[in-house]
PDB file of N, CA and C in Angstrom:
ATOM      1  N   MET A   1      -9.279  11.675   5.942  1.00  0.00           N
ATOM      2  CA  MET A   1      -8.881  10.460   5.266  1.00  0.00           C
ATOM      3  C   MET A   1      -8.251  10.781   3.913  1.00  0.00           C
ATOM      4  N   LEU A   2      -8.497  11.975   3.423  1.00  0.00           N
ATOM      5  CA  LEU A   2      -7.915  12.371   2.140  1.00  0.00           C
ATOM      6  C   LEU A   2      -6.396  12.403   2.215  1.00  0.00           C
ATOM      7  N   TRP A   3      -5.855  12.846   3.344  1.00  0.00           N
ATOM      8  CA  TRP A   3      -4.402  12.882   3.500  1.00  0.00           C
ATOM      9  C   TRP A   3      -3.816  11.482   3.459  1.00  0.00           C
ATOM     10  N   LEU A   4      -4.531  10.499   4.032  1.00  0.00           N
ATOM     11  CA  LEU A   4      -4.060   9.117   4.020  1.00  0.00           C
ATOM     12  C   LEU A   4      -4.050   8.561   2.599  1.00  0.00           C
ATOM     13  N   ALA A   5      -5.075   8.902   1.830  1.00  0.00           N
ATOM     14  CA  ALA A   5      -5.112   8.456   0.435  1.00  0.00           C
ATOM     15  C   ALA A   5      -3.957   9.060  -0.352  1.00  0.00           C
ATOM     16  N   GLY A   6      -3.661  10.323  -0.099  1.00  0.00           N
ATOM     17  CA  GLY A   6      -2.538  10.969  -0.784  1.00  0.00           C
ATOM     18  C   GLY A   6      -1.209  10.321  -0.446  1.00  0.00           C
ATOM     19  N   ILE A   7      -1.001  10.037   0.833  1.00  0.00           N
ATOM     20  CA  ILE A   7       0.240   9.381   1.255  1.00  0.00           C
ATOM     21  C   ILE A   7       0.332   7.980   0.657  1.00  0.00           C
ATOM     22  N   ALA A   8      -0.783   7.248   0.668  1.00  0.00           N
ATOM     23  CA  ALA A   8      -0.776   5.883   0.137  1.00  0.00           C
ATOM     24  C   ALA A   8      -0.440   5.860  -1.347  1.00  0.00           C
ATOM     25  N   VAL A   9      -1.050   6.753  -2.101  1.00  0.00           N
ATOM     26  CA  VAL A   9      -0.785   6.800  -3.542  1.00  0.00           C
ATOM     27  C   VAL A   9       0.652   7.234  -3.803  1.00  0.00           C
ATOM     28  N   TYR A  10       1.117   8.216  -3.055  1.00  0.00           N
ATOM     29  CA  TYR A  10       2.483   8.702  -3.256  1.00  0.00           C
ATOM     30  C   TYR A  10       3.510   7.610  -2.949  1.00  0.00           C
ATOM     31  N   LEU A  11       3.369   6.944  -1.807  1.00  0.00           N
ATOM     32  CA  LEU A  11       4.343   5.914  -1.452  1.00  0.00           C
ATOM     33  C   LEU A  11       4.229   4.677  -2.332  1.00  0.00           C
ATOM     34  N   ALA A  12       3.046   4.393  -2.839  1.00  0.00           N
ATOM     35  CA  ALA A  12       2.903   3.248  -3.742  1.00  0.00           C
ATOM     36  C   ALA A  12       3.605   3.503  -5.067  1.00  0.00           C
ATOM     37  N   GLY A  13       3.658   4.747  -5.496  1.00  0.00           N
ATOM     38  CA  GLY A  13       4.244   5.048  -6.797  1.00  0.00           C
ATOM     39  C   GLY A  13       5.652   5.573  -6.768  1.00  0.00           C
ATOM     40  N   ALA A  14       6.088   6.099  -5.635  1.00  0.00           N
ATOM     41  CA  ALA A  14       7.412   6.734  -5.582  1.00  0.00           C
ATOM     42  C   ALA A  14       8.515   5.686  -5.648  1.00  0.00           C
ATOM     43  N   PRO A  15       9.587   5.895  -6.322  1.00  0.00           N
ATOM     44  CA  PRO A  15       9.793   6.891  -7.366  1.00  0.00           C
ATOM     45  C   PRO A  15       9.014   6.510  -8.616  1.00  0.00           C
ATOM     46  N   PHE A  16       8.498   7.482  -9.297  1.00  0.00           N
ATOM     47  CA  PHE A  16       7.581   7.240 -10.409  1.00  0.00           C
ATOM     48  C   PHE A  16       8.284   6.860 -11.703  1.00  0.00           C
ATOM     49  N   VAL A  17       9.556   7.237 -11.840  1.00  0.00           N
ATOM     50  CA  VAL A  17      10.285   6.968 -13.076  1.00  0.00           C
ATOM     51  C   VAL A  17      11.508   6.143 -12.730  1.00  0.00           C
ATOM     52  N   PRO A  18      11.868   5.116 -13.386  1.00  0.00           N
ATOM     53  CA  PRO A  18      11.312   4.554 -14.605  1.00  0.00           C
ATOM     54  C   PRO A  18      10.137   3.615 -14.345  1.00  0.00           C
ATOM     55  N   GLU A  19      10.024   3.094 -13.113  1.00  0.00           N
ATOM     56  CA  GLU A  19       8.946   2.170 -12.778  1.00  0.00           C
ATOM     57  C   GLU A  19       8.563   2.412 -11.322  1.00  0.00           C
ATOM     58  N   PRO A  20       7.266   2.430 -11.023  1.00  0.00           N
ATOM     59  CA  PRO A  20       6.876   2.605  -9.616  1.00  0.00           C
ATOM     60  C   PRO A  20       7.519   1.535  -8.732  1.00  0.00           C
ATOM     61  N   HIS A  21       7.973   1.969  -7.582  1.00  0.00           N
ATOM     62  CA  HIS A  21       8.718   1.095  -6.685  1.00  0.00           C
ATOM     63  C   HIS A  21       7.888  -0.105  -6.242  1.00  0.00           C
ATOM     64  N   LEU A  22       6.631   0.118  -5.961  1.00  0.00           N
ATOM     65  CA  LEU A  22       5.782  -0.978  -5.504  1.00  0.00           C
ATOM     66  C   LEU A  22       5.587  -2.015  -6.598  1.00  0.00           C
ATOM     67  N   VAL A  23       5.494  -1.577  -7.841  1.00  0.00           N
ATOM     68  CA  VAL A  23       5.385  -2.515  -8.967  1.00  0.00           C
ATOM     69  C   VAL A  23       6.647  -3.368  -9.040  1.00  0.00           C
ATOM     70  N   GLU A  24       7.791  -2.727  -8.880  1.00  0.00           N
ATOM     71  CA  GLU A  24       9.065  -3.454  -8.908  1.00  0.00           C
ATOM     72  C   GLU A  24       9.127  -4.486  -7.785  1.00  0.00           C
ATOM     73  N   LYS A  25       8.710  -4.094  -6.585  1.00  0.00           N
ATOM     74  CA  LYS A  25       8.777  -5.012  -5.442  1.00  0.00           C
ATOM     75  C   LYS A  25       7.784  -6.163  -5.592  1.00  0.00           C
ATOM     76  N   TRP A  26       6.593  -5.900  -6.121  1.00  0.00           N
ATOM     77  CA  TRP A  26       5.629  -6.978  -6.363  1.00  0.00           C
ATOM     78  C   TRP A  26       6.171  -7.945  -7.401  1.00  0.00           C
ATOM     79  N   ARG A  27       6.816  -7.418  -8.443  1.00  0.00           N
ATOM     80  CA  ARG A  27       7.408  -8.277  -9.469  1.00  0.00           C
ATOM     81  C   ARG A  27       8.495  -9.154  -8.853  1.00  0.00           C
ATOM     82  N   MET A  28       9.318  -8.552  -7.997  1.00  0.00           N
ATOM     83  CA  MET A  28      10.358  -9.325  -7.320  1.00  0.00           C
ATOM     84  C   MET A  28       9.744 -10.399  -6.427  1.00  0.00           C
ATOM     85  N   LEU A  29       8.660 -10.082  -5.730  1.00  0.00           N
ATOM     86  CA  LEU A  29       7.988 -11.047  -4.864  1.00  0.00           C
ATOM     87  C   LEU A  29       7.444 -12.213  -5.678  1.00  0.00           C
ATOM     88  N   LEU A  30       6.802 -11.911  -6.799  1.00  0.00           N
ATOM     89  CA  LEU A  30       6.228 -12.967  -7.633  1.00  0.00           C
ATOM     90  C   LEU A  30       7.292 -13.810  -8.323  1.00  0.00           C
ATOM     91  N   ASP A  31       8.448 -13.207  -8.626  1.00  0.00           N
ATOM     92  CA  ASP A  31       9.552 -13.945  -9.253  1.00  0.00           C
ATOM     93  C   ASP A  31      10.374 -14.729  -8.234  1.00  0.00           C
ATOM     94  N   GLY A  32      10.169 -14.451  -6.955  1.00  0.00           N
ATOM     95  CA  GLY A  32      10.920 -15.131  -5.914  1.00  0.00           C
ATOM     96  C   GLY A  32      12.284 -14.526  -5.655  1.00  0.00           C
ATOM     97  N   THR A  33      12.500 -13.295  -6.098  1.00  0.00           N
ATOM     98  CA  THR A  33      13.801 -12.652  -5.911  1.00  0.00           C
ATOM     99  C   THR A  33      13.783 -11.599  -4.809  1.00  0.00           C
ATOM    100  N   LEU A  34      12.700 -11.510  -4.075  1.00  0.00           N
ATOM    101  CA  LEU A  34      12.602 -10.533  -2.982  1.00  0.00           C
ATOM    102  C   LEU A  34      13.208 -11.172  -1.735  1.00  0.00           C
ATOM    103  N   GLY A  35      14.535 -11.148  -1.650  1.00  0.00           N
ATOM    104  CA  GLY A  35      15.195 -11.857  -0.569  1.00  0.00           C
ATOM    105  C   GLY A  35      16.059 -10.999   0.323  1.00  0.00           C
ATOM    106  N   LYS A  36      16.580  -9.903  -0.195  1.00  0.00           N
ATOM    107  CA  LYS A  36      17.436  -9.045   0.621  1.00  0.00           C
ATOM    108  C   LYS A  36      16.587  -8.358   1.691  1.00  0.00           C
ATOM    109  N   PRO A  37      17.112  -8.231   2.905  1.00  0.00           N
ATOM    110  CA  PRO A  37      16.345  -7.565   3.966  1.00  0.00           C
ATOM    111  C   PRO A  37      15.906  -6.148   3.594  1.00  0.00           C
ATOM    112  N   ILE A  38      16.751  -5.408   2.884  1.00  0.00           N
ATOM    113  CA  ILE A  38      16.378  -4.041   2.510  1.00  0.00           C
ATOM    114  C   ILE A  38      15.207  -4.045   1.532  1.00  0.00           C
ATOM    115  N   ASP A  39      15.144  -5.044   0.648  1.00  0.00           N
ATOM    116  CA  ASP A  39      14.034  -5.137  -0.296  1.00  0.00           C
ATOM    117  C   ASP A  39      12.730  -5.495   0.412  1.00  0.00           C
ATOM    118  N   VAL A  40      12.812  -6.402   1.388  1.00  0.00           N
ATOM    119  CA  VAL A  40      11.618  -6.779   2.156  1.00  0.00           C
ATOM    120  C   VAL A  40      11.115  -5.579   2.952  1.00  0.00           C
ATOM    121  N   PHE A  41      12.028  -4.856   3.605  1.00  0.00           N
ATOM    122  CA  PHE A  41      11.655  -3.651   4.346  1.00  0.00           C
ATOM    123  C   PHE A  41      11.021  -2.628   3.413  1.00  0.00           C
ATOM    124  N   ASP A  42      11.626  -2.431   2.254  1.00  0.00           N
ATOM    125  CA  ASP A  42      11.120  -1.470   1.276  1.00  0.00           C
ATOM    126  C   ASP A  42       9.724  -1.861   0.794  1.00  0.00           C
ATOM    127  N   PHE A  43       9.508  -3.150   0.582  1.00  0.00           N
ATOM    128  CA  PHE A  43       8.191  -3.646   0.172  1.00  0.00           C
ATOM    129  C   PHE A  43       7.143  -3.294   1.225  1.00  0.00           C
ATOM    130  N   PHE A  44       7.447  -3.562   2.492  1.00  0.00           N
ATOM    131  CA  PHE A  44       6.497  -3.248   3.559  1.00  0.00           C
ATOM    132  C   PHE A  44       6.322  -1.744   3.740  1.00  0.00           C
ATOM    133  N   LEU A  45       7.394  -0.987   3.570  1.00  0.00           N
ATOM    134  CA  LEU A  45       7.312   0.464   3.687  1.00  0.00           C
ATOM    135  C   LEU A  45       6.352   1.046   2.656  1.00  0.00           C
ATOM    136  N   HIS A  46       6.428   0.556   1.436  1.00  0.00           N
ATOM    137  CA  HIS A  46       5.588   1.097   0.372  1.00  0.00           C
ATOM    138  C   HIS A  46       4.172   0.510   0.388  1.00  0.00           C
ATOM    139  N   THR A  47       3.980  -0.648   1.012  1.00  0.00           N
ATOM    140  CA  THR A  47       2.666  -1.298   1.045  1.00  0.00           C
ATOM    141  C   THR A  47       1.823  -0.874   2.249  1.00  0.00           C
ATOM    142  N   THR A  48       2.448  -0.554   3.362  1.00  0.00           N
ATOM    143  CA  THR A  48       1.732  -0.258   4.604  1.00  0.00           C
ATOM    144  C   THR A  48       0.668   0.828   4.474  1.00  0.00           C
ATOM    145  N   PRO A  49       0.934   1.980   3.846  1.00  0.00           N
ATOM    146  CA  PRO A  49      -0.128   2.990   3.742  1.00  0.00           C
ATOM    147  C   PRO A  49      -1.351   2.500   2.960  1.00  0.00           C
ATOM    148  N   LEU A  50      -1.141   1.652   1.956  1.00  0.00           N
ATOM    149  CA  LEU A  50      -2.284   1.107   1.218  1.00  0.00           C
ATOM    150  C   LEU A  50      -3.109   0.175   2.095  1.00  0.00           C
ATOM    151  N   VAL A  51      -2.447  -0.621   2.913  1.00  0.00           N
ATOM    152  CA  VAL A  51      -3.153  -1.523   3.829  1.00  0.00           C
ATOM    153  C   VAL A  51      -3.935  -0.719   4.863  1.00  0.00           C
ATOM    154  N   VAL A  52      -3.318   0.313   5.417  1.00  0.00           N
ATOM    155  CA  VAL A  52      -3.996   1.165   6.399  1.00  0.00           C
ATOM    156  C   VAL A  52      -5.204   1.850   5.763  1.00  0.00           C
ATOM    157  N   LEU A  53      -5.047   2.336   4.537  1.00  0.00           N
ATOM    158  CA  LEU A  53      -6.162   2.969   3.829  1.00  0.00           C
ATOM    159  C   LEU A  53      -7.297   1.976   3.612  1.00  0.00           C
ATOM    160  N   PHE A  54      -6.979   0.754   3.204  1.00  0.00           N
ATOM    161  CA  PHE A  54      -8.004  -0.270   3.005  1.00  0.00           C
ATOM    162  C   PHE A  54      -8.741  -0.562   4.311  1.00  0.00           C
ATOM    163  N   ILE A  55      -8.011  -0.683   5.408  1.00  0.00           N
ATOM    164  CA  ILE A  55      -8.640  -0.957   6.703  1.00  0.00           C
ATOM    165  C   ILE A  55      -9.549   0.197   7.115  1.00  0.00           C
ATOM    166  N   ARG A  56      -9.088   1.431   6.921  1.00  0.00           N
ATOM    167  CA  ARG A  56      -9.917   2.593   7.279  1.00  0.00           C
ATOM    168  C   ARG A  56     -11.192   2.631   6.446  1.00  0.00           C
ATOM    169  N   LEU A  57     -11.090   2.367   5.140  1.00  0.00           N
ATOM    170  CA  LEU A  57     -12.272   2.368   4.272  1.00  0.00           C
ATOM    171  C   LEU A  57     -13.232   1.252   4.661  1.00  0.00           C
ATOM    172  N   TRP A  58     -12.703   0.087   4.975  1.00  0.00           N
ATOM    173  CA  TRP A  58     -13.540  -1.043   5.367  1.00  0.00           C
ATOM    174  C   TRP A  58     -14.268  -0.748   6.678  1.00  0.00           C
ATOM    175  N   ARG A  59     -13.553  -0.185   7.654  1.00  0.00           N
ATOM    176  CA  ARG A  59     -14.181   0.148   8.935  1.00  0.00           C
ATOM    177  C   ARG A  59     -15.246   1.226   8.773  1.00  0.00           C
ATOM    178  N   GLU A  60     -14.982   2.202   7.918  1.00  0.00           N
ATOM    179  CA  GLU A  60     -15.975   3.252   7.659  1.00  0.00           C
ATOM    180  C   GLU A  60     -17.229   2.662   7.015  1.00  0.00           C
ATOM    181  N   ALA A  61     -17.042   1.732   6.091  1.00  0.00           N
ATOM    182  CA  ALA A  61     -18.193   1.074   5.461  1.00  0.00           C
ATOM    183  C   ALA A  61     -18.981   0.270   6.487  1.00  0.00           C
ATOM    184  N   GLN A  62     -18.287  -0.396   7.405  1.00  0.00           N
ATOM    185  CA  GLN A  62     -18.966  -1.154   8.457  1.00  0.00           C
ATOM    186  C   GLN A  62     -19.772  -0.231   9.366  1.00  0.00           C
ATOM    187  N   ARG A  63     -19.199   0.916   9.730  1.00  0.00           N
ATOM    188  CA  ARG A  63     -19.918   1.874  10.581  1.00  0.00           C
ATOM    189  C   ARG A  63     -21.162   2.403   9.892  1.00  0.00           C
ATOM    190  N   ARG A  64     -21.040   2.717   8.614  1.00  0.00           N
ATOM    191  CA  ARG A  64     -22.205   3.233   7.883  1.00  0.00           C
ATOM    192  C   ARG A  64     -23.287   2.171   7.757  1.00  0.00           C
ATOM    193  N   ARG A  65     -22.884   0.927   7.550  1.00  0.00           N
ATOM    194  CA  ARG A  65     -23.859  -0.154   7.442  1.00  0.00           C
ATOM    195  C   ARG A  65     -24.578  -0.354   8.770  1.00  0.00           C
ATOM    196  N   GLN A  66     -23.856  -0.266   9.883  1.00  0.00           N
ATOM    197  CA  GLN A  66     -24.474  -0.421  11.196  1.00  0.00           C
ATOM    198  C   GLN A  66     -25.376   0.760  11.530  1.00  0.00           C
ATOM    199  N   ALA A  67     -25.047   1.937  11.049  1.00  0.00           N
ATOM    200  CA  ALA A  67     -25.870   3.118  11.300  1.00  0.00           C
ATOM    201  C   ALA A  67     -27.210   3.018  10.575  1.00  0.00           C
ATOM    202  N   LYS A  68     -27.233   2.346   9.438  1.00  0.00           N
ATOM    203  CA  LYS A  68     -28.483   2.176   8.691  1.00  0.00           C
ATOM    204  C   LYS A  68     -29.424   1.210   9.395  1.00  0.00           C
ATOM    205  N   ASP A  69     -28.869   0.237  10.110  1.00  0.00           N
ATOM    206  CA  ASP A  69     -29.710  -0.781  10.770  1.00  0.00           C
ATOM    207  C   ASP A  69     -30.375  -0.271  11.988  1.00  0.00           C
TER     208      ASP A  69
END
């Protein structure tokens, strides 16, 4: 799972200068300017590894909780 965390952090921040790409896309989403198809695709491309990581962590927590019972 460490490799997934590395990929998620890298894609969330890349490119790191001048502003992380995911921050830019979230700002565009909140401002209502995320309208071009390439921007929407880019938003999902950079967000997907974080969502997958969250799901994996949540499922692991559920398994550990069930193992205790």
